[in-house]
PDB file of N, CA and C in Angstrom:
ATOM      1  N   MET A   1      -7.347 -16.841   5.283  1.00  0.00           N
ATOM      2  CA  MET A   1      -6.415 -15.753   5.073  1.00  0.00           C
ATOM      3  C   MET A   1      -6.654 -15.189   3.664  1.00  0.00           C
ATOM      4  N   LYS A   2      -6.793 -13.893   3.588  1.00  0.00           N
ATOM      5  CA  LYS A   2      -7.042 -13.190   2.327  1.00  0.00           C
ATOM      6  C   LYS A   2      -5.697 -12.807   1.701  1.00  0.00           C
ATOM      7  N   THR A   3      -5.404 -13.424   0.538  1.00  0.00           N
ATOM      8  CA  THR A   3      -4.114 -13.245  -0.123  1.00  0.00           C
ATOM      9  C   THR A   3      -4.317 -12.776  -1.552  1.00  0.00           C
ATOM     10  N   ILE A   4      -3.393 -11.960  -2.025  1.00  0.00           N
ATOM     11  CA  ILE A   4      -3.410 -11.520  -3.424  1.00  0.00           C
ATOM     12  C   ILE A   4      -1.980 -11.506  -3.946  1.00  0.00           C
ATOM     13  N   GLU A   5      -1.843 -11.839  -5.220  1.00  0.00           N
ATOM     14  CA  GLU A   5      -0.536 -11.784  -5.872  1.00  0.00           C
ATOM     15  C   GLU A   5      -0.595 -10.730  -6.968  1.00  0.00           C
ATOM     16  N   ILE A   6       0.388  -9.852  -6.976  1.00  0.00           N
ATOM     17  CA  ILE A   6       0.441  -8.755  -7.931  1.00  0.00           C
ATOM     18  C   ILE A   6       1.658  -8.933  -8.818  1.00  0.00           C
ATOM     19  N   GLU A   7       1.415  -9.028 -10.116  1.00  0.00           N
ATOM     20  CA  GLU A   7       2.504  -9.167 -11.077  1.00  0.00           C
ATOM     21  C   GLU A   7       3.000  -7.772 -11.452  1.00  0.00           C
ATOM     22  N   ILE A   8       4.230  -7.476 -11.091  1.00  0.00           N
ATOM     23  CA  ILE A   8       4.809  -6.152 -11.294  1.00  0.00           C
ATOM     24  C   ILE A   8       4.828  -5.775 -12.776  1.00  0.00           C
ATOM     25  N   LYS A   9       5.282  -6.681 -13.632  1.00  0.00           N
ATOM     26  CA  LYS A   9       5.376  -6.378 -15.053  1.00  0.00           C
ATOM     27  C   LYS A   9       4.010  -6.025 -15.629  1.00  0.00           C
ATOM     28  N   GLN A  10       3.007  -6.743 -15.222  1.00  0.00           N
ATOM     29  CA  GLN A  10       1.649  -6.483 -15.714  1.00  0.00           C
ATOM     30  C   GLN A  10       1.149  -5.123 -15.230  1.00  0.00           C
ATOM     31  N   GLU A  11       1.372  -4.817 -13.976  1.00  0.00           N
ATOM     32  CA  GLU A  11       0.902  -3.540 -13.420  1.00  0.00           C
ATOM     33  C   GLU A  11       1.627  -2.350 -14.047  1.00  0.00           C
ATOM     34  N   LEU A  12       2.918  -2.503 -14.282  1.00  0.00           N
ATOM     35  CA  LEU A  12       3.710  -1.410 -14.842  1.00  0.00           C
ATOM     36  C   LEU A  12       3.664  -1.356 -16.367  1.00  0.00           C
ATOM     37  N   GLU A  13       3.222  -2.468 -16.968  1.00  0.00           N
ATOM     38  CA  GLU A  13       3.238  -2.598 -18.425  1.00  0.00           C
ATOM     39  C   GLU A  13       4.645  -2.323 -18.959  1.00  0.00           C
ATOM     40  N   ASN A  14       5.629  -2.870 -18.219  1.00  0.00           N
ATOM     41  CA  ASN A  14       7.023  -2.618 -18.550  1.00  0.00           C
ATOM     42  C   ASN A  14       7.873  -3.690 -17.870  1.00  0.00           C
ATOM     43  N   SER A  15       8.980  -4.059 -18.486  1.00  0.00           N
ATOM     44  CA  SER A  15       9.879  -5.052 -17.879  1.00  0.00           C
ATOM     45  C   SER A  15      10.967  -4.392 -17.038  1.00  0.00           C
ATOM     46  N   LYS A  16      10.909  -3.068 -16.936  1.00  0.00           N
ATOM     47  CA  LYS A  16      11.869  -2.338 -16.115  1.00  0.00           C
ATOM     48  C   LYS A  16      11.115  -1.583 -15.032  1.00  0.00           C
ATOM     49  N   ALA A  17      11.527  -1.791 -13.798  1.00  0.00           N
ATOM     50  CA  ALA A  17      10.947  -1.095 -12.644  1.00  0.00           C
ATOM     51  C   ALA A  17      12.006  -0.124 -12.139  1.00  0.00           C
ATOM     52  N   ILE A  18      12.055   1.047 -12.762  1.00  0.00           N
ATOM     53  CA  ILE A  18      13.156   1.965 -12.481  1.00  0.00           C
ATOM     54  C   ILE A  18      12.715   3.383 -12.133  1.00  0.00           C
ATOM     55  N   LEU A  19      11.505   3.757 -12.503  1.00  0.00           N
ATOM     56  CA  LEU A  19      11.070   5.145 -12.351  1.00  0.00           C
ATOM     57  C   LEU A  19      10.343   5.392 -11.032  1.00  0.00           C
ATOM     58  N   GLU A  20      10.521   6.578 -10.495  1.00  0.00           N
ATOM     59  CA  GLU A  20       9.821   6.966  -9.271  1.00  0.00           C
ATOM     60  C   GLU A  20       8.310   6.889  -9.468  1.00  0.00           C
ATOM     61  N   GLU A  21       7.821   7.290 -10.638  1.00  0.00           N
ATOM     62  CA  GLU A  21       6.384   7.262 -10.911  1.00  0.00           C
ATOM     63  C   GLU A  21       5.841   5.833 -10.871  1.00  0.00           C
ATOM     64  N   GLN A  22       6.645   4.884 -11.342  1.00  0.00           N
ATOM     65  CA  GLN A  22       6.241   3.481 -11.268  1.00  0.00           C
ATOM     66  C   GLN A  22       6.138   3.040  -9.813  1.00  0.00           C
ATOM     67  N   GLY A  23       7.098   3.464  -9.012  1.00  0.00           N
ATOM     68  CA  GLY A  23       7.067   3.140  -7.581  1.00  0.00           C
ATOM     69  C   GLY A  23       5.848   3.736  -6.902  1.00  0.00           C
ATOM     70  N   ASP A  24       5.503   4.975  -7.264  1.00  0.00           N
ATOM     71  CA  ASP A  24       4.314   5.618  -6.698  1.00  0.00           C
ATOM     72  C   ASP A  24       3.050   4.829  -7.045  1.00  0.00           C
ATOM     73  N   LYS A  25       2.988   4.330  -8.281  1.00  0.00           N
ATOM     74  CA  LYS A  25       1.826   3.544  -8.711  1.00  0.00           C
ATOM     75  C   LYS A  25       1.688   2.272  -7.869  1.00  0.00           C
ATOM     76  N   LEU A  26       2.796   1.575  -7.652  1.00  0.00           N
ATOM     77  CA  LEU A  26       2.730   0.347  -6.854  1.00  0.00           C
ATOM     78  C   LEU A  26       2.465   0.646  -5.384  1.00  0.00           C
ATOM     79  N   LYS A  27       2.948   1.759  -4.889  1.00  0.00           N
ATOM     80  CA  LYS A  27       2.672   2.154  -3.507  1.00  0.00           C
ATOM     81  C   LYS A  27       1.168   2.336  -3.312  1.00  0.00           C
ATOM     82  N   LYS A  28       0.514   2.972  -4.274  1.00  0.00           N
ATOM     83  CA  LYS A  28      -0.944   3.156  -4.186  1.00  0.00           C
ATOM     84  C   LYS A  28      -1.662   1.818  -4.195  1.00  0.00           C
ATOM     85  N   ILE A  29      -1.185   0.897  -5.033  1.00  0.00           N
ATOM     86  CA  ILE A  29      -1.786  -0.442  -5.072  1.00  0.00           C
ATOM     87  C   ILE A  29      -1.605  -1.134  -3.732  1.00  0.00           C
ATOM     88  N   LEU A  30      -0.411  -1.058  -3.166  1.00  0.00           N
ATOM     89  CA  LEU A  30      -0.142  -1.675  -1.867  1.00  0.00           C
ATOM     90  C   LEU A  30      -1.027  -1.066  -0.784  1.00  0.00           C
ATOM     91  N   GLU A  31      -1.144   0.248  -0.755  1.00  0.00           N
ATOM     92  CA  GLU A  31      -1.994   0.911   0.242  1.00  0.00           C
ATOM     93  C   GLU A  31      -3.449   0.469   0.096  1.00  0.00           C
ATOM     94  N   GLU A  32      -3.900   0.327  -1.143  1.00  0.00           N
ATOM     95  CA  GLU A  32      -5.280  -0.114  -1.396  1.00  0.00           C
ATOM     96  C   GLU A  32      -5.501  -1.526  -0.869  1.00  0.00           C
ATOM     97  N   LYS A  33      -4.566  -2.410  -1.133  1.00  0.00           N
ATOM     98  CA  LYS A  33      -4.703  -3.803  -0.690  1.00  0.00           C
ATOM     99  C   LYS A  33      -4.651  -3.893   0.836  1.00  0.00           C
ATOM    100  N   ILE A  34      -3.820  -3.083   1.462  1.00  0.00           N
ATOM    101  CA  ILE A  34      -3.766  -3.072   2.927  1.00  0.00           C
ATOM    102  C   ILE A  34      -5.087  -2.589   3.493  1.00  0.00           C
ATOM    103  N   SER A  35      -5.638  -1.523   2.906  1.00  0.00           N
ATOM    104  CA  SER A  35      -6.905  -0.989   3.418  1.00  0.00           C
ATOM    105  C   SER A  35      -8.069  -1.931   3.139  1.00  0.00           C
ATOM    106  N   ASN A  36      -7.909  -2.820   2.145  1.00  0.00           N
ATOM    107  CA  ASN A  36      -8.941  -3.815   1.858  1.00  0.00           C
ATOM    108  C   ASN A  36      -8.742  -5.098   2.657  1.00  0.00           C
ATOM    109  N   SER A  37      -7.925  -5.018   3.682  1.00  0.00           N
ATOM    110  CA  SER A  37      -7.726  -6.103   4.657  1.00  0.00           C
ATOM    111  C   SER A  37      -7.102  -7.371   4.090  1.00  0.00           C
ATOM    112  N   TYR A  38      -6.245  -7.228   3.097  1.00  0.00           N
ATOM    113  CA  TYR A  38      -5.504  -8.404   2.644  1.00  0.00           C
ATOM    114  C   TYR A  38      -4.458  -8.743   3.699  1.00  0.00           C
ATOM    115  N   ASP A  39      -4.397 -10.033   4.062  1.00  0.00           N
ATOM    116  CA  ASP A  39      -3.439 -10.497   5.064  1.00  0.00           C
ATOM    117  C   ASP A  39      -2.049 -10.674   4.453  1.00  0.00           C
ATOM    118  N   LYS A  40      -2.026 -11.065   3.187  1.00  0.00           N
ATOM    119  CA  LYS A  40      -0.759 -11.341   2.515  1.00  0.00           C
ATOM    120  C   LYS A  40      -0.819 -10.761   1.115  1.00  0.00           C
ATOM    121  N   ILE A  41       0.181  -9.951   0.795  1.00  0.00           N
ATOM    122  CA  ILE A  41       0.280  -9.323  -0.522  1.00  0.00           C
ATOM    123  C   ILE A  41       1.626  -9.739  -1.096  1.00  0.00           C
ATOM    124  N   ILE A  42       1.566 -10.497  -2.186  1.00  0.00           N
ATOM    125  CA  ILE A  42       2.773 -11.041  -2.803  1.00  0.00           C
ATOM    126  C   ILE A  42       3.063 -10.254  -4.082  1.00  0.00           C
ATOM    127  N   PHE A  43       4.256  -9.713  -4.167  1.00  0.00           N
ATOM    128  CA  PHE A  43       4.677  -8.986  -5.360  1.00  0.00           C
ATOM    129  C   PHE A  43       5.584  -9.893  -6.168  1.00  0.00           C
ATOM    130  N   ASP A  44       5.142 -10.207  -7.388  1.00  0.00           N
ATOM    131  CA  ASP A  44       5.869 -11.110  -8.267  1.00  0.00           C
ATOM    132  C   ASP A  44       6.671 -10.294  -9.281  1.00  0.00           C
ATOM    133  N   PHE A  45       7.972 -10.444  -9.234  1.00  0.00           N
ATOM    134  CA  PHE A  45       8.874  -9.717 -10.114  1.00  0.00           C
ATOM    135  C   PHE A  45       9.285 -10.536 -11.339  1.00  0.00           C
ATOM    136  N   LYS A  46       8.492 -11.518 -11.683  1.00  0.00           N
ATOM    137  CA  LYS A  46       8.789 -12.352 -12.855  1.00  0.00           C
ATOM    138  C   LYS A  46       8.912 -11.464 -14.097  1.00  0.00           C
ATOM    139  N   ASP A  47       9.948 -11.704 -14.863  1.00  0.00           N
ATOM    140  CA  ASP A  47      10.224 -11.002 -16.122  1.00  0.00           C
ATOM    141  C   ASP A  47      10.586  -9.525 -15.952  1.00  0.00           C
ATOM    142  N   ILE A  48      10.876  -9.107 -14.727  1.00  0.00           N
ATOM    143  CA  ILE A  48      11.404  -7.755 -14.527  1.00  0.00           C
ATOM    144  C   ILE A  48      12.909  -7.832 -14.752  1.00  0.00           C
ATOM    145  N   GLU A  49      13.384  -7.090 -15.737  1.00  0.00           N
ATOM    146  CA  GLU A  49      14.787  -7.156 -16.139  1.00  0.00           C
ATOM    147  C   GLU A  49      15.681  -6.194 -15.368  1.00  0.00           C
ATOM    148  N   LEU A  50      15.104  -5.108 -14.872  1.00  0.00           N
ATOM    149  CA  LEU A  50      15.900  -4.091 -14.204  1.00  0.00           C
ATOM    150  C   LEU A  50      15.089  -3.485 -13.076  1.00  0.00           C
ATOM    151  N   LEU A  51      15.733  -3.340 -11.921  1.00  0.00           N
ATOM    152  CA  LEU A  51      15.100  -2.796 -10.721  1.00  0.00           C
ATOM    153  C   LEU A  51      16.008  -1.710 -10.171  1.00  0.00           C
ATOM    154  N   SER A  52      15.431  -0.570  -9.781  1.00  0.00           N
ATOM    155  CA  SER A  52      16.267   0.534  -9.301  1.00  0.00           C
ATOM    156  C   SER A  52      15.887   0.970  -7.890  1.00  0.00           C
ATOM    157  N   THR A  53      16.846   1.598  -7.236  1.00  0.00           N
ATOM    158  CA  THR A  53      16.609   2.148  -5.903  1.00  0.00           C
ATOM    159  C   THR A  53      15.536   3.235  -5.910  1.00  0.00           C
ATOM    160  N   PRO A  54      15.533   4.180  -6.854  1.00  0.00           N
ATOM    161  CA  PRO A  54      14.462   5.188  -6.847  1.00  0.00           C
ATOM    162  C   PRO A  54      13.065   4.562  -6.916  1.00  0.00           C
ATOM    163  N   PHE A  55      12.917   3.531  -7.752  1.00  0.00           N
ATOM    164  CA  PHE A  55      11.638   2.826  -7.823  1.00  0.00           C
ATOM    165  C   PHE A  55      11.265   2.247  -6.465  1.00  0.00           C
ATOM    166  N   LEU A  56      12.201   1.522  -5.840  1.00  0.00           N
ATOM    167  CA  LEU A  56      11.926   0.882  -4.551  1.00  0.00           C
ATOM    168  C   LEU A  56      11.675   1.902  -3.445  1.00  0.00           C
ATOM    169  N   ASN A  57      12.389   3.015  -3.477  1.00  0.00           N
ATOM    170  CA  ASN A  57      12.151   4.056  -2.471  1.00  0.00           C
ATOM    171  C   ASN A  57      10.731   4.590  -2.558  1.00  0.00           C
ATOM    172  N   HIS A  58      10.245   4.814  -3.756  1.00  0.00           N
ATOM    173  CA  HIS A  58       8.895   5.350  -3.920  1.00  0.00           C
ATOM    174  C   HIS A  58       7.831   4.287  -3.687  1.00  0.00           C
ATOM    175  N   PHE A  59       8.138   3.050  -3.996  1.00  0.00           N
ATOM    176  CA  PHE A  59       7.195   1.950  -3.803  1.00  0.00           C
ATOM    177  C   PHE A  59       7.100   1.548  -2.327  1.00  0.00           C
ATOM    178  N   LEU A  60       8.213   1.294  -1.722  1.00  0.00           N
ATOM    179  CA  LEU A  60       8.217   0.709  -0.386  1.00  0.00           C
ATOM    180  C   LEU A  60       8.805   1.628   0.674  1.00  0.00           C
ATOM    181  N   GLY A  61       9.926   2.244   0.380  1.00  0.00           N
ATOM    182  CA  GLY A  61      10.616   3.074   1.366  1.00  0.00           C
ATOM    183  C   GLY A  61       9.745   4.201   1.896  1.00  0.00           C
ATOM    184  N   ASN A  62       9.093   4.926   1.014  1.00  0.00           N
ATOM    185  CA  ASN A  62       8.258   6.055   1.449  1.00  0.00           C
ATOM    186  C   ASN A  62       7.083   5.594   2.299  1.00  0.00           C
ATOM    187  N   LEU A  63       6.493   4.465   1.941  1.00  0.00           N
ATOM    188  CA  LEU A  63       5.367   3.945   2.734  1.00  0.00           C
ATOM    189  C   LEU A  63       5.827   3.572   4.138  1.00  0.00           C
ATOM    190  N   LEU A  64       6.974   2.931   4.242  1.00  0.00           N
ATOM    191  CA  LEU A  64       7.482   2.559   5.564  1.00  0.00           C
ATOM    192  C   LEU A  64       7.776   3.797   6.402  1.00  0.00           C
ATOM    193  N   LEU A  65       8.310   4.833   5.771  1.00  0.00           N
ATOM    194  CA  LEU A  65       8.562   6.090   6.492  1.00  0.00           C
ATOM    195  C   LEU A  65       7.255   6.712   6.978  1.00  0.00           C
ATOM    196  N   GLU A  66       6.235   6.691   6.122  1.00  0.00           N
ATOM    197  CA  GLU A  66       4.941   7.267   6.495  1.00  0.00           C
ATOM    198  C   GLU A  66       4.291   6.511   7.646  1.00  0.00           C
ATOM    199  N   LYS A  67       4.469   5.209   7.690  1.00  0.00           N
ATOM    200  CA  LYS A  67       3.831   4.379   8.720  1.00  0.00           C
ATOM    201  C   LYS A  67       4.546   4.472  10.060  1.00  0.00           C
ATOM    202  N   GLY A  68       5.753   5.011  10.058  1.00  0.00           N
ATOM    203  CA  GLY A  68       6.473   5.167  11.318  1.00  0.00           C
ATOM    204  C   GLY A  68       6.684   3.838  12.012  1.00  0.00           C
ATOM    205  N   LYS A  69       6.351   3.789  13.275  1.00  0.00           N
ATOM    206  CA  LYS A  69       6.591   2.581  14.068  1.00  0.00           C
ATOM    207  C   LYS A  69       5.699   1.416  13.661  1.00  0.00           C
ATOM    208  N   ASP A  70       4.694   1.673  12.833  1.00  0.00           N
ATOM    209  CA  ASP A  70       3.817   0.602  12.350  1.00  0.00           C
ATOM    210  C   ASP A  70       4.396  -0.121  11.133  1.00  0.00           C
ATOM    211  N   TYR A  71       5.641   0.179  10.776  1.00  0.00           N
ATOM    212  CA  TYR A  71       6.240  -0.432   9.591  1.00  0.00           C
ATOM    213  C   TYR A  71       6.280  -1.951   9.681  1.00  0.00           C
ATOM    214  N   LYS A  72       6.389  -2.500  10.899  1.00  0.00           N
ATOM    215  CA  LYS A  72       6.465  -3.958  11.057  1.00  0.00           C
ATOM    216  C   LYS A  72       5.195  -4.638  10.565  1.00  0.00           C
ATOM    217  N   GLU A  73       4.068  -3.986  10.769  1.00  0.00           N
ATOM    218  CA  GLU A  73       2.793  -4.548  10.314  1.00  0.00           C
ATOM    219  C   GLU A  73       2.772  -4.633   8.794  1.00  0.00           C
ATOM    220  N   ILE A  74       3.305  -3.623   8.119  1.00  0.00           N
ATOM    221  CA  ILE A  74       3.376  -3.632   6.652  1.00  0.00           C
ATOM    222  C   ILE A  74       4.293  -4.759   6.191  1.00  0.00           C
ATOM    223  N   LEU A  75       5.468  -4.821   6.780  1.00  0.00           N
ATOM    224  CA  LEU A  75       6.439  -5.840   6.360  1.00  0.00           C
ATOM    225  C   LEU A  75       5.938  -7.253   6.603  1.00  0.00           C
ATOM    226  N   SER A  76       5.123  -7.447   7.624  1.00  0.00           N
ATOM    227  CA  SER A  76       4.607  -8.788   7.917  1.00  0.00           C
ATOM    228  C   SER A  76       3.565  -9.238   6.893  1.00  0.00           C
ATOM    229  N   ARG A  77       3.008  -8.300   6.149  1.00  0.00           N
ATOM    230  CA  ARG A  77       1.940  -8.633   5.203  1.00  0.00           C
ATOM    231  C   ARG A  77       2.406  -8.729   3.756  1.00  0.00           C
ATOM    232  N   ILE A  78       3.634  -8.316   3.473  1.00  0.00           N
ATOM    233  CA  ILE A  78       4.099  -8.357   2.085  1.00  0.00           C
ATOM    234  C   ILE A  78       5.225  -9.360   1.911  1.00  0.00           C
ATOM    235  N   SER A  79       5.297  -9.881   0.703  1.00  0.00           N
ATOM    236  CA  SER A  79       6.427 -10.740   0.336  1.00  0.00           C
ATOM    237  C   SER A  79       6.710 -10.548  -1.148  1.00  0.00           C
ATOM    238  N   PHE A  80       7.874 -11.015  -1.545  1.00  0.00           N
ATOM    239  CA  PHE A  80       8.337 -10.840  -2.911  1.00  0.00           C
ATOM    240  C   PHE A  80       8.753 -12.190  -3.468  1.00  0.00           C
ATOM    241  N   LYS A  81       8.546 -12.371  -4.758  1.00  0.00           N
ATOM    242  CA  LYS A  81       9.023 -13.591  -5.401  1.00  0.00           C
ATOM    243  C   LYS A  81       9.639 -13.236  -6.747  1.00  0.00           C
ATOM    244  N   ASN A  82      10.473 -14.139  -7.210  1.00  0.00           N
ATOM    245  CA  ASN A  82      11.171 -13.993  -8.483  1.00  0.00           C
ATOM    246  C   ASN A  82      12.110 -12.787  -8.507  1.00  0.00           C
ATOM    247  N   LEU A  83      12.824 -12.597  -7.406  1.00  0.00           N
ATOM    248  CA  LEU A  83      13.884 -11.592  -7.332  1.00  0.00           C
ATOM    249  C   LEU A  83      15.226 -12.319  -7.285  1.00  0.00           C
ATOM    250  N   ASN A  84      16.214 -11.806  -8.019  1.00  0.00           N
ATOM    251  CA  ASN A  84      17.537 -12.402  -7.913  1.00  0.00           C
ATOM    252  C   ASN A  84      18.239 -11.857  -6.658  1.00  0.00           C
ATOM    253  N   LYS A  85      19.393 -12.419  -6.347  1.00  0.00           N
ATOM    254  CA  LYS A  85      20.079 -12.046  -5.105  1.00  0.00           C
ATOM    255  C   LYS A  85      20.395 -10.553  -5.043  1.00  0.00           C
ATOM    256  N   ASP A  86      20.865  -9.960  -6.136  1.00  0.00           N
ATOM    257  CA  ASP A  86      21.182  -8.534  -6.134  1.00  0.00           C
ATOM    258  C   ASP A  86      19.943  -7.687  -5.860  1.00  0.00           C
ATOM    259  N   ASP A  87      18.820  -8.085  -6.444  1.00  0.00           N
ATOM    260  CA  ASP A  87      17.583  -7.330  -6.225  1.00  0.00           C
ATOM    261  C   ASP A  87      17.063  -7.502  -4.794  1.00  0.00           C
ATOM    262  N   ILE A  88      17.233  -8.688  -4.247  1.00  0.00           N
ATOM    263  CA  ILE A  88      16.854  -8.910  -2.841  1.00  0.00           C
ATOM    264  C   ILE A  88      17.687  -8.002  -1.945  1.00  0.00           C
ATOM    265  N   ASP A  89      18.980  -7.928  -2.226  1.00  0.00           N
ATOM    266  CA  ASP A  89      19.856  -7.043  -1.453  1.00  0.00           C
ATOM    267  C   ASP A  89      19.404  -5.589  -1.557  1.00  0.00           C
ATOM    268  N   LEU A  90      18.954  -5.184  -2.732  1.00  0.00           N
ATOM    269  CA  LEU A  90      18.473  -3.814  -2.935  1.00  0.00           C
ATOM    270  C   LEU A  90      17.205  -3.549  -2.128  1.00  0.00           C
ATOM    271  N   VAL A  91      16.295  -4.513  -2.104  1.00  0.00           N
ATOM    272  CA  VAL A  91      15.074  -4.378  -1.299  1.00  0.00           C
ATOM    273  C   VAL A  91      15.439  -4.253   0.180  1.00  0.00           C
ATOM    274  N   TYR A  92      16.329  -5.113   0.660  1.00  0.00           N
ATOM    275  CA  TYR A  92      16.757  -5.035   2.066  1.00  0.00           C
ATOM    276  C   TYR A  92      17.390  -3.690   2.389  1.00  0.00           C
ATOM    277  N   LEU A  93      18.178  -3.155   1.470  1.00  0.00           N
ATOM    278  CA  LEU A  93      18.821  -1.858   1.671  1.00  0.00           C
ATOM    279  C   LEU A  93      17.775  -0.749   1.817  1.00  0.00           C
ATOM    280  N   VAL A  94      16.789  -0.738   0.940  1.00  0.00           N
ATOM    281  CA  VAL A  94      15.726   0.275   1.001  1.00  0.00           C
ATOM    282  C   VAL A  94      14.955   0.146   2.314  1.00  0.00           C
ATOM    283  N   VAL A  95      14.613  -1.062   2.690  1.00  0.00           N
ATOM    284  CA  VAL A  95      13.873  -1.278   3.943  1.00  0.00           C
ATOM    285  C   VAL A  95      14.718  -0.816   5.130  1.00  0.00           C
ATOM    286  N   ALA A  96      15.974  -1.224   5.165  1.00  0.00           N
ATOM    287  CA  ALA A  96      16.847  -0.845   6.280  1.00  0.00           C
ATOM    288  C   ALA A  96      17.010   0.670   6.366  1.00  0.00           C
ATOM    289  N   ASN A  97      17.208   1.327   5.235  1.00  0.00           N
ATOM    290  CA  ASN A  97      17.343   2.782   5.243  1.00  0.00           C
ATOM    291  C   ASN A  97      16.077   3.465   5.744  1.00  0.00           C
ATOM    292  N   SER A  98      14.928   2.950   5.348  1.00  0.00           N
ATOM    293  CA  SER A  98      13.659   3.526   5.812  1.00  0.00           C
ATOM    294  C   SER A  98      13.486   3.365   7.312  1.00  0.00           C
ATOM    295  N   ILE A  99      13.823   2.198   7.809  1.00  0.00           N
ATOM    296  CA  ILE A  99      13.691   1.939   9.249  1.00  0.00           C
ATOM    297  C   ILE A  99      14.667   2.816  10.036  1.00  0.00           C
ATOM    298  N   ASN A 100      15.880   2.945   9.536  1.00  0.00           N
ATOM    299  CA  ASN A 100      16.892   3.739  10.229  1.00  0.00           C
ATOM    300  C   ASN A 100      16.575   5.225  10.248  1.00  0.00           C
ATOM    301  N   GLN A 101      15.737   5.681   9.341  1.00  0.00           N
ATOM    302  CA  GLN A 101      15.353   7.094   9.304  1.00  0.00           C
ATOM    303  C   GLN A 101      14.216   7.424  10.267  1.00  0.00           C
ATOM    304  N   GLN A 102      13.667   6.418  10.916  1.00  0.00           N
ATOM    305  CA  GLN A 102      12.521   6.619  11.816  1.00  0.00           C
ATOM    306  C   GLN A 102      12.975   7.262  13.110  1.00  0.00           C
TER     307      GLN A 102
END
């Protein structure tokens, strides 16, 4: 199984993941890893102090909307680590909203 772990803080060069542009950057990274046939893509939120809905919408929500009914394949290949409960709830909210808009 081809797996990669992506450190959010390192990729963003910032401890805050709040901007739409940051989300767009991570979305491109995710799309690249998917097209390179990675089976598992782990996003590590270690040392991220602040996470926002606009960031998550541009990072994950927009990609799920673009993939339409294939969103399950994307979700099966990604995972997250080092998120607190509030941030996990925020990720679930973004995912649920994207799915409900399909």
